[in-house]
């Protein structure tokens, strides 16, 4: 399914690496197209929130199946002390 490219200056929403939702105007630059290519461009904030929540669920499922060598029951070994659920 292809996404529509926002018009120049049109506001869109995206999910940041910490799970925040930000809105920015479309400039057609490399960053905009990188987000679009990854499926991280949303016309409505609610759609970005729904996508973020779905991604969090997928990450949780992945961690249960593949701990990448980390002890998943030990908070100190789960990665960065700044990581968020």
PDB file of N, CA and C in Angstrom:
ATOM      1  N   UNK A   1       0.844  -1.180   0.000  1.00  0.00           N
ATOM      2  CA  UNK A   1       0.000   0.000   0.000  1.00  0.00           C
ATOM      3  C   UNK A   1       0.888   1.241   0.000  1.00  0.00           C
ATOM      4  N   UNK A   2       0.713   2.105  -0.937  1.00  0.00           N
ATOM      5  CA  UNK A   2       1.544   3.300  -1.008  1.00  0.00           C
ATOM      6  C   UNK A   2       0.891   4.440  -0.235  1.00  0.00           C
ATOM      7  N   UNK A   3       1.744   5.275   0.319  1.00  0.00           N
ATOM      8  CA  UNK A   3       1.257   6.428   1.063  1.00  0.00           C
ATOM      9  C   UNK A   3       1.240   7.643   0.153  1.00  0.00           C
ATOM     10  N   UNK A   4       0.309   8.521   0.414  1.00  0.00           N
ATOM     11  CA  UNK A   4       0.282   9.779  -0.318  1.00  0.00           C
ATOM     12  C   UNK A   4       1.324  10.718   0.268  1.00  0.00           C
ATOM     13  N   UNK A   5       2.005  11.430  -0.587  1.00  0.00           N
ATOM     14  CA  UNK A   5       3.000  12.404  -0.143  1.00  0.00           C
ATOM     15  C   UNK A   5       2.269  13.684   0.244  1.00  0.00           C
ATOM     16  N   UNK A   6       2.511  14.205   1.455  1.00  0.00           N
ATOM     17  CA  UNK A   6       1.868  15.463   1.839  1.00  0.00           C
ATOM     18  C   UNK A   6       2.282  16.603   0.907  1.00  0.00           C
ATOM     19  N   UNK A   7       1.443  17.601   0.818  1.00  0.00           N
ATOM     20  CA  UNK A   7       1.755  18.795   0.026  1.00  0.00           C
ATOM     21  C   UNK A   7       2.828  19.614   0.743  1.00  0.00           C
ATOM     22  N   UNK A   8       3.573  20.383  -0.016  1.00  0.00           N
ATOM     23  CA  UNK A   8       4.600  21.255   0.557  1.00  0.00           C
ATOM     24  C   UNK A   8       3.981  22.119   1.653  1.00  0.00           C
ATOM     25  N   UNK A   9       4.575  22.084   2.839  1.00  0.00           N
ATOM     26  CA  UNK A   9       4.100  22.885   3.965  1.00  0.00           C
ATOM     27  C   UNK A   9       2.969  22.259   4.763  1.00  0.00           C
ATOM     28  N   UNK A  10       2.395  21.155   4.268  1.00  0.00           N
ATOM     29  CA  UNK A  10       1.303  20.488   4.985  1.00  0.00           C
ATOM     30  C   UNK A  10       1.846  19.825   6.257  1.00  0.00           C
ATOM     31  N   UNK A  11       1.144  19.990   7.352  1.00  0.00           N
ATOM     32  CA  UNK A  11       1.559  19.393   8.615  1.00  0.00           C
ATOM     33  C   UNK A  11       1.285  17.896   8.599  1.00  0.00           C
ATOM     34  N   UNK A  12       2.266  17.136   9.093  1.00  0.00           N
ATOM     35  CA  UNK A  12       2.070  15.694   9.278  1.00  0.00           C
ATOM     36  C   UNK A  12       2.615  15.307  10.646  1.00  0.00           C
ATOM     37  N   UNK A  13       2.236  14.125  11.090  1.00  0.00           N
ATOM     38  CA  UNK A  13       2.638  13.609  12.400  1.00  0.00           C
ATOM     39  C   UNK A  13       3.539  12.403  12.202  1.00  0.00           C
ATOM     40  N   UNK A  14       4.457  12.198  13.162  1.00  0.00           N
ATOM     41  CA  UNK A  14       5.318  11.020  13.127  1.00  0.00           C
ATOM     42  C   UNK A  14       5.669  10.604  14.550  1.00  0.00           C
ATOM     43  N   UNK A  15       6.106   9.351  14.682  1.00  0.00           N
ATOM     44  CA  UNK A  15       6.496   8.785  15.974  1.00  0.00           C
ATOM     45  C   UNK A  15       8.006   8.927  16.110  1.00  0.00           C
ATOM     46  N   UNK A  16       8.460   9.515  17.216  1.00  0.00           N
ATOM     47  CA  UNK A  16       9.894   9.669  17.456  1.00  0.00           C
ATOM     48  C   UNK A  16      10.467   8.385  18.055  1.00  0.00           C
ATOM     49  N   UNK A  17      11.776   8.339  18.199  1.00  0.00           N
ATOM     50  CA  UNK A  17      12.437   7.142  18.727  1.00  0.00           C
ATOM     51  C   UNK A  17      12.075   6.860  20.179  1.00  0.00           C
ATOM     52  N   UNK A  18      11.607   7.872  20.923  1.00  0.00           N
ATOM     53  CA  UNK A  18      11.189   7.622  22.312  1.00  0.00           C
ATOM     54  C   UNK A  18       9.680   7.445  22.446  1.00  0.00           C
ATOM     55  N   UNK A  19       8.981   7.393  21.313  1.00  0.00           N
ATOM     56  CA  UNK A  19       7.544   7.158  21.336  1.00  0.00           C
ATOM     57  C   UNK A  19       6.687   8.407  21.394  1.00  0.00           C
ATOM     58  N   UNK A  20       7.314   9.560  21.385  1.00  0.00           N
ATOM     59  CA  UNK A  20       6.546  10.806  21.350  1.00  0.00           C
ATOM     60  C   UNK A  20       5.953  10.994  19.958  1.00  0.00           C
ATOM     61  N   UNK A  21       4.892  11.783  19.884  1.00  0.00           N
ATOM     62  CA  UNK A  21       4.279  12.122  18.603  1.00  0.00           C
ATOM     63  C   UNK A  21       4.570  13.596  18.341  1.00  0.00           C
ATOM     64  N   UNK A  22       5.198  13.887  17.219  1.00  0.00           N
ATOM     65  CA  UNK A  22       5.490  15.272  16.852  1.00  0.00           C
ATOM     66  C   UNK A  22       4.798  15.605  15.539  1.00  0.00           C
ATOM     67  N   UNK A  23       4.553  16.899  15.340  1.00  0.00           N
ATOM     68  CA  UNK A  23       4.028  17.360  14.058  1.00  0.00           C
ATOM     69  C   UNK A  23       4.985  18.378  13.471  1.00  0.00           C
ATOM     70  N   UNK A  24       5.187  18.266  12.173  1.00  0.00           N
ATOM     71  CA  UNK A  24       6.091  19.155  11.444  1.00  0.00           C
ATOM     72  C   UNK A  24       5.507  19.410  10.059  1.00  0.00           C
ATOM     73  N   UNK A  25       5.921  20.506   9.426  1.00  0.00           N
ATOM     74  CA  UNK A  25       5.479  20.727   8.043  1.00  0.00           C
ATOM     75  C   UNK A  25       6.310  19.874   7.082  1.00  0.00           C
ATOM     76  N   UNK A  26       5.661  19.395   6.032  1.00  0.00           N
ATOM     77  CA  UNK A  26       6.360  18.637   4.993  1.00  0.00           C
ATOM     78  C   UNK A  26       7.220  19.596   4.188  1.00  0.00           C
ATOM     79  N   UNK A  27       8.517  19.303   4.109  1.00  0.00           N
ATOM     80  CA  UNK A  27       9.444  20.118   3.325  1.00  0.00           C
ATOM     81  C   UNK A  27       9.941  19.391   2.090  1.00  0.00           C
ATOM     82  N   UNK A  28       9.658  18.102   2.012  1.00  0.00           N
ATOM     83  CA  UNK A  28      10.142  17.316   0.885  1.00  0.00           C
ATOM     84  C   UNK A  28      11.625  17.028   0.961  1.00  0.00           C
ATOM     85  N   UNK A  29      12.205  17.106   2.154  1.00  0.00           N
ATOM     86  CA  UNK A  29      13.634  16.844   2.299  1.00  0.00           C
ATOM     87  C   UNK A  29      13.880  15.359   2.581  1.00  0.00           C
ATOM     88  N   UNK A  30      15.132  15.006   2.737  1.00  0.00           N
ATOM     89  CA  UNK A  30      15.512  13.607   2.931  1.00  0.00           C
ATOM     90  C   UNK A  30      14.864  13.011   4.179  1.00  0.00           C
ATOM     91  N   UNK A  31      14.807  13.780   5.253  1.00  0.00           N
ATOM     92  CA  UNK A  31      14.189  13.291   6.486  1.00  0.00           C
ATOM     93  C   UNK A  31      12.718  12.978   6.276  1.00  0.00           C
ATOM     94  N   UNK A  32      12.004  13.868   5.598  1.00  0.00           N
ATOM     95  CA  UNK A  32      10.589  13.616   5.311  1.00  0.00           C
ATOM     96  C   UNK A  32      10.424  12.320   4.516  1.00  0.00           C
ATOM     97  N   UNK A  33      11.226  12.151   3.482  1.00  0.00           N
ATOM     98  CA  UNK A  33      11.099  10.956   2.651  1.00  0.00           C
ATOM     99  C   UNK A  33      11.559   9.690   3.379  1.00  0.00           C
ATOM    100  N   UNK A  34      12.530   9.815   4.285  1.00  0.00           N
ATOM    101  CA  UNK A  34      12.924   8.664   5.106  1.00  0.00           C
ATOM    102  C   UNK A  34      11.758   8.218   5.985  1.00  0.00           C
ATOM    103  N   UNK A  35      11.090   9.172   6.624  1.00  0.00           N
ATOM    104  CA  UNK A  35       9.925   8.838   7.450  1.00  0.00           C
ATOM    105  C   UNK A  35       8.825   8.216   6.596  1.00  0.00           C
ATOM    106  N   UNK A  36       8.584   8.792   5.438  1.00  0.00           N
ATOM    107  CA  UNK A  36       7.557   8.269   4.544  1.00  0.00           C
ATOM    108  C   UNK A  36       7.883   6.837   4.118  1.00  0.00           C
ATOM    109  N   UNK A  37       9.133   6.602   3.764  1.00  0.00           N
ATOM    110  CA  UNK A  37       9.552   5.275   3.333  1.00  0.00           C
ATOM    111  C   UNK A  37       9.422   4.223   4.418  1.00  0.00           C
ATOM    112  N   UNK A  38       9.538   4.650   5.669  1.00  0.00           N
ATOM    113  CA  UNK A  38       9.415   3.731   6.803  1.00  0.00           C
ATOM    114  C   UNK A  38       7.964   3.576   7.254  1.00  0.00           C
ATOM    115  N   UNK A  39       7.078   4.359   6.654  1.00  0.00           N
ATOM    116  CA  UNK A  39       5.665   4.300   7.041  1.00  0.00           C
ATOM    117  C   UNK A  39       5.354   5.131   8.263  1.00  0.00           C
ATOM    118  N   UNK A  40       6.157   6.163   8.502  1.00  0.00           N
ATOM    119  CA  UNK A  40       6.041   6.966   9.710  1.00  0.00           C
ATOM    120  C   UNK A  40       5.585   8.393   9.394  1.00  0.00           C
ATOM    121  N   UNK A  41       4.639   8.531   8.477  1.00  0.00           N
ATOM    122  CA  UNK A  41       4.036   9.827   8.137  1.00  0.00           C
ATOM    123  C   UNK A  41       2.527   9.652   8.232  1.00  0.00           C
ATOM    124  N   UNK A  42       1.898  10.470   9.082  1.00  0.00           N
ATOM    125  CA  UNK A  42       0.465  10.351   9.332  1.00  0.00           C
ATOM    126  C   UNK A  42      -0.201  11.711   9.208  1.00  0.00           C
ATOM    127  N   UNK A  43      -1.343  11.748   8.573  1.00  0.00           N
ATOM    128  CA  UNK A  43      -2.090  13.003   8.418  1.00  0.00           C
ATOM    129  C   UNK A  43      -2.800  13.406   9.705  1.00  0.00           C
ATOM    130  N   UNK A  44      -3.131  12.421  10.539  1.00  0.00           N
ATOM    131  CA  UNK A  44      -3.852  12.698  11.787  1.00  0.00           C
ATOM    132  C   UNK A  44      -3.053  12.190  12.983  1.00  0.00           C
ATOM    133  N   UNK A  45      -3.072  12.953  14.058  1.00  0.00           N
ATOM    134  CA  UNK A  45      -2.348  12.566  15.267  1.00  0.00           C
ATOM    135  C   UNK A  45      -2.846  11.223  15.792  1.00  0.00           C
ATOM    136  N   UNK A  46      -4.146  11.006  15.734  1.00  0.00           N
ATOM    137  CA  UNK A  46      -4.706   9.748  16.225  1.00  0.00           C
ATOM    138  C   UNK A  46      -4.142   8.532  15.516  1.00  0.00           C
ATOM    139  N   UNK A  47      -3.868   8.665  14.218  1.00  0.00           N
ATOM    140  CA  UNK A  47      -3.276   7.554  13.473  1.00  0.00           C
ATOM    141  C   UNK A  47      -1.841   7.294  13.930  1.00  0.00           C
ATOM    142  N   UNK A  48      -1.104   8.363  14.229  1.00  0.00           N
ATOM    143  CA  UNK A  48       0.266   8.207  14.720  1.00  0.00           C
ATOM    144  C   UNK A  48       0.263   7.546  16.095  1.00  0.00           C
ATOM    145  N   UNK A  49      -0.674   7.938  16.950  1.00  0.00           N
ATOM    146  CA  UNK A  49      -0.789   7.334  18.286  1.00  0.00           C
ATOM    147  C   UNK A  49      -1.100   5.843  18.155  1.00  0.00           C
ATOM    148  N   UNK A  50      -2.036   5.499  17.289  1.00  0.00           N
ATOM    149  CA  UNK A  50      -2.399   4.091  17.093  1.00  0.00           C
ATOM    150  C   UNK A  50      -1.208   3.283  16.580  1.00  0.00           C
ATOM    151  N   UNK A  51      -0.451   3.849  15.649  1.00  0.00           N
ATOM    152  CA  UNK A  51       0.726   3.158  15.110  1.00  0.00           C
ATOM    153  C   UNK A  51       1.775   2.969  16.199  1.00  0.00           C
ATOM    154  N   UNK A  52       1.997   4.004  17.007  1.00  0.00           N
ATOM    155  CA  UNK A  52       2.964   3.900  18.102  1.00  0.00           C
ATOM    156  C   UNK A  52       2.573   2.787  19.065  1.00  0.00           C
ATOM    157  N   UNK A  53       1.304   2.749  19.435  1.00  0.00           N
ATOM    158  CA  UNK A  53       0.842   1.734  20.376  1.00  0.00           C
ATOM    159  C   UNK A  53       0.997   0.330  19.796  1.00  0.00           C
ATOM    160  N   UNK A  54       0.726   0.191  18.513  1.00  0.00           N
ATOM    161  CA  UNK A  54       0.898  -1.109  17.859  1.00  0.00           C
ATOM    162  C   UNK A  54       2.374  -1.502  17.826  1.00  0.00           C
ATOM    163  N   UNK A  55       3.258  -0.541  17.533  1.00  0.00           N
ATOM    164  CA  UNK A  55       4.696  -0.825  17.514  1.00  0.00           C
ATOM    165  C   UNK A  55       5.183  -1.264  18.894  1.00  0.00           C
ATOM    166  N   UNK A  56       4.704  -0.597  19.948  1.00  0.00           N
ATOM    167  CA  UNK A  56       5.103  -0.977  21.305  1.00  0.00           C
ATOM    168  C   UNK A  56       4.716  -2.420  21.593  1.00  0.00           C
ATOM    169  N   UNK A  57       3.520  -2.798  21.179  1.00  0.00           N
ATOM    170  CA  UNK A  57       3.076  -4.171  21.376  1.00  0.00           C
ATOM    171  C   UNK A  57       3.937  -5.168  20.617  1.00  0.00           C
ATOM    172  N   UNK A  58       4.297  -4.812  19.393  1.00  0.00           N
ATOM    173  CA  UNK A  58       5.149  -5.694  18.594  1.00  0.00           C
ATOM    174  C   UNK A  58       6.535  -5.833  19.214  1.00  0.00           C
ATOM    175  N   UNK A  59       7.087  -4.744  19.730  1.00  0.00           N
ATOM    176  CA  UNK A  59       8.397  -4.813  20.385  1.00  0.00           C
ATOM    177  C   UNK A  59       8.338  -5.693  21.630  1.00  0.00           C
ATOM    178  N   UNK A  60       7.264  -5.572  22.404  1.00  0.00           N
ATOM    179  CA  UNK A  60       7.116  -6.418  23.597  1.00  0.00           C
ATOM    180  C   UNK A  60       7.066  -7.895  23.210  1.00  0.00           C
ATOM    181  N   UNK A  61       6.297  -8.215  22.174  1.00  0.00           N
ATOM    182  CA  UNK A  61       6.215  -9.606  21.716  1.00  0.00           C
ATOM    183  C   UNK A  61       7.577 -10.091  21.247  1.00  0.00           C
ATOM    184  N   UNK A  62       8.296  -9.254  20.522  1.00  0.00           N
ATOM    185  CA  UNK A  62       9.613  -9.632  20.021  1.00  0.00           C
ATOM    186  C   UNK A  62      10.566  -9.914  21.174  1.00  0.00           C
ATOM    187  N   UNK A  63      10.545  -9.059  22.196  1.00  0.00           N
ATOM    188  CA  UNK A  63      11.438  -9.252  23.345  1.00  0.00           C
ATOM    189  C   UNK A  63      11.161 -10.574  24.045  1.00  0.00           C
ATOM    190  N   UNK A  64       9.901 -10.983  24.108  1.00  0.00           N
ATOM    191  CA  UNK A  64       9.566 -12.251  24.758  1.00  0.00           C
ATOM    192  C   UNK A  64      10.139 -13.433  23.982  1.00  0.00           C
ATOM    193  N   UNK A  65      10.163 -13.334  22.671  1.00  0.00           N
ATOM    194  CA  UNK A  65      10.631 -14.427  21.819  1.00  0.00           C
ATOM    195  C   UNK A  65      12.147 -14.412  21.670  1.00  0.00           C
ATOM    196  N   UNK A  66      12.737 -13.229  21.556  1.00  0.00           N
ATOM    197  CA  UNK A  66      14.156 -13.102  21.251  1.00  0.00           C
ATOM    198  C   UNK A  66      14.768 -12.044  22.151  1.00  0.00           C
ATOM    199  N   UNK A  67      15.397 -12.485  23.234  1.00  0.00           N
ATOM    200  CA  UNK A  67      15.953 -11.525  24.190  1.00  0.00           C
ATOM    201  C   UNK A  67      17.322 -11.014  23.777  1.00  0.00           C
ATOM    202  N   UNK A  68      17.852 -11.468  22.642  1.00  0.00           N
ATOM    203  CA  UNK A  68      19.171 -11.022  22.150  1.00  0.00           C
ATOM    204  C   UNK A  68      20.271 -11.209  23.183  1.00  0.00           C
ATOM    205  N   UNK A  69      20.156 -12.246  24.016  1.00  0.00           N
ATOM    206  CA  UNK A  69      21.190 -12.520  25.000  1.00  0.00           C
ATOM    207  C   UNK A  69      21.023 -11.783  26.305  1.00  0.00           C
ATOM    208  N   UNK A  70      20.064 -10.880  26.394  1.00  0.00           N
ATOM    209  CA  UNK A  70      19.824 -10.160  27.634  1.00  0.00           C
ATOM    210  C   UNK A  70      18.905 -10.975  28.529  1.00  0.00           C
ATOM    211  N   UNK A  71      19.101 -10.868  29.815  1.00  0.00           N
ATOM    212  CA  UNK A  71      18.186 -11.485  30.765  1.00  0.00           C
ATOM    213  C   UNK A  71      16.977 -10.576  30.879  1.00  0.00           C
ATOM    214  N   UNK A  72      15.834 -11.012  30.365  1.00  0.00           N
ATOM    215  CA  UNK A  72      14.664 -10.138  30.308  1.00  0.00           C
ATOM    216  C   UNK A  72      14.022  -9.894  31.661  1.00  0.00           C
ATOM    217  N   UNK A  73      14.410 -10.645  32.701  1.00  0.00           N
ATOM    218  CA  UNK A  73      13.843 -10.407  34.028  1.00  0.00           C
ATOM    219  C   UNK A  73      14.759  -9.551  34.895  1.00  0.00           C
ATOM    220  N   UNK A  74      15.832  -9.021  34.341  1.00  0.00           N
ATOM    221  CA  UNK A  74      16.784  -8.204  35.080  1.00  0.00           C
ATOM    222  C   UNK A  74      16.827  -6.820  34.446  1.00  0.00           C
ATOM    223  N   UNK A  75      16.255  -5.821  35.121  1.00  0.00           N
ATOM    224  CA  UNK A  75      16.154  -4.472  34.551  1.00  0.00           C
ATOM    225  C   UNK A  75      17.507  -3.912  34.127  1.00  0.00           C
ATOM    226  N   UNK A  76      18.576  -4.197  34.864  1.00  0.00           N
ATOM    227  CA  UNK A  76      19.884  -3.641  34.529  1.00  0.00           C
ATOM    228  C   UNK A  76      20.398  -4.139  33.189  1.00  0.00           C
ATOM    229  N   UNK A  77      19.967  -5.313  32.767  1.00  0.00           N
ATOM    230  CA  UNK A  77      20.490  -5.862  31.519  1.00  0.00           C
ATOM    231  C   UNK A  77      19.560  -5.646  30.334  1.00  0.00           C
ATOM    232  N   UNK A  78      18.513  -4.850  30.502  1.00  0.00           N
ATOM    233  CA  UNK A  78      17.567  -4.648  29.408  1.00  0.00           C
ATOM    234  C   UNK A  78      17.959  -3.514  28.479  1.00  0.00           C
ATOM    235  N   UNK A  79      19.083  -2.939  28.664  1.00  0.00           N
ATOM    236  CA  UNK A  79      19.498  -1.871  27.762  1.00  0.00           C
ATOM    237  C   UNK A  79      19.739  -0.591  28.528  1.00  0.00           C
ATOM    238  N   UNK A  80      19.581   0.500  27.852  1.00  0.00           N
ATOM    239  CA  UNK A  80      19.837   1.827  28.397  1.00  0.00           C
ATOM    240  C   UNK A  80      18.998   2.109  29.627  1.00  0.00           C
ATOM    241  N   UNK A  81      19.582   2.790  30.592  1.00  0.00           N
ATOM    242  CA  UNK A  81      18.817   3.165  31.785  1.00  0.00           C
ATOM    243  C   UNK A  81      17.764   4.215  31.456  1.00  0.00           C
ATOM    244  N   UNK A  82      17.870   4.801  30.261  1.00  0.00           N
ATOM    245  CA  UNK A  82      16.888   5.793  29.833  1.00  0.00           C
ATOM    246  C   UNK A  82      15.775   5.182  28.992  1.00  0.00           C
ATOM    247  N   UNK A  83      15.786   3.857  28.818  1.00  0.00           N
ATOM    248  CA  UNK A  83      14.755   3.242  27.977  1.00  0.00           C
ATOM    249  C   UNK A  83      13.394   3.379  28.633  1.00  0.00           C
ATOM    250  N   UNK A  84      12.359   3.457  27.797  1.00  0.00           N
ATOM    251  CA  UNK A  84      10.996   3.658  28.278  1.00  0.00           C
ATOM    252  C   UNK A  84      10.124   2.526  27.790  1.00  0.00           C
ATOM    253  N   UNK A  85       9.096   2.207  28.546  1.00  0.00           N
ATOM    254  CA  UNK A  85       8.085   1.218  28.133  1.00  0.00           C
ATOM    255  C   UNK A  85       7.070   1.894  27.279  1.00  0.00           C
TER     256      UNK A  85
END
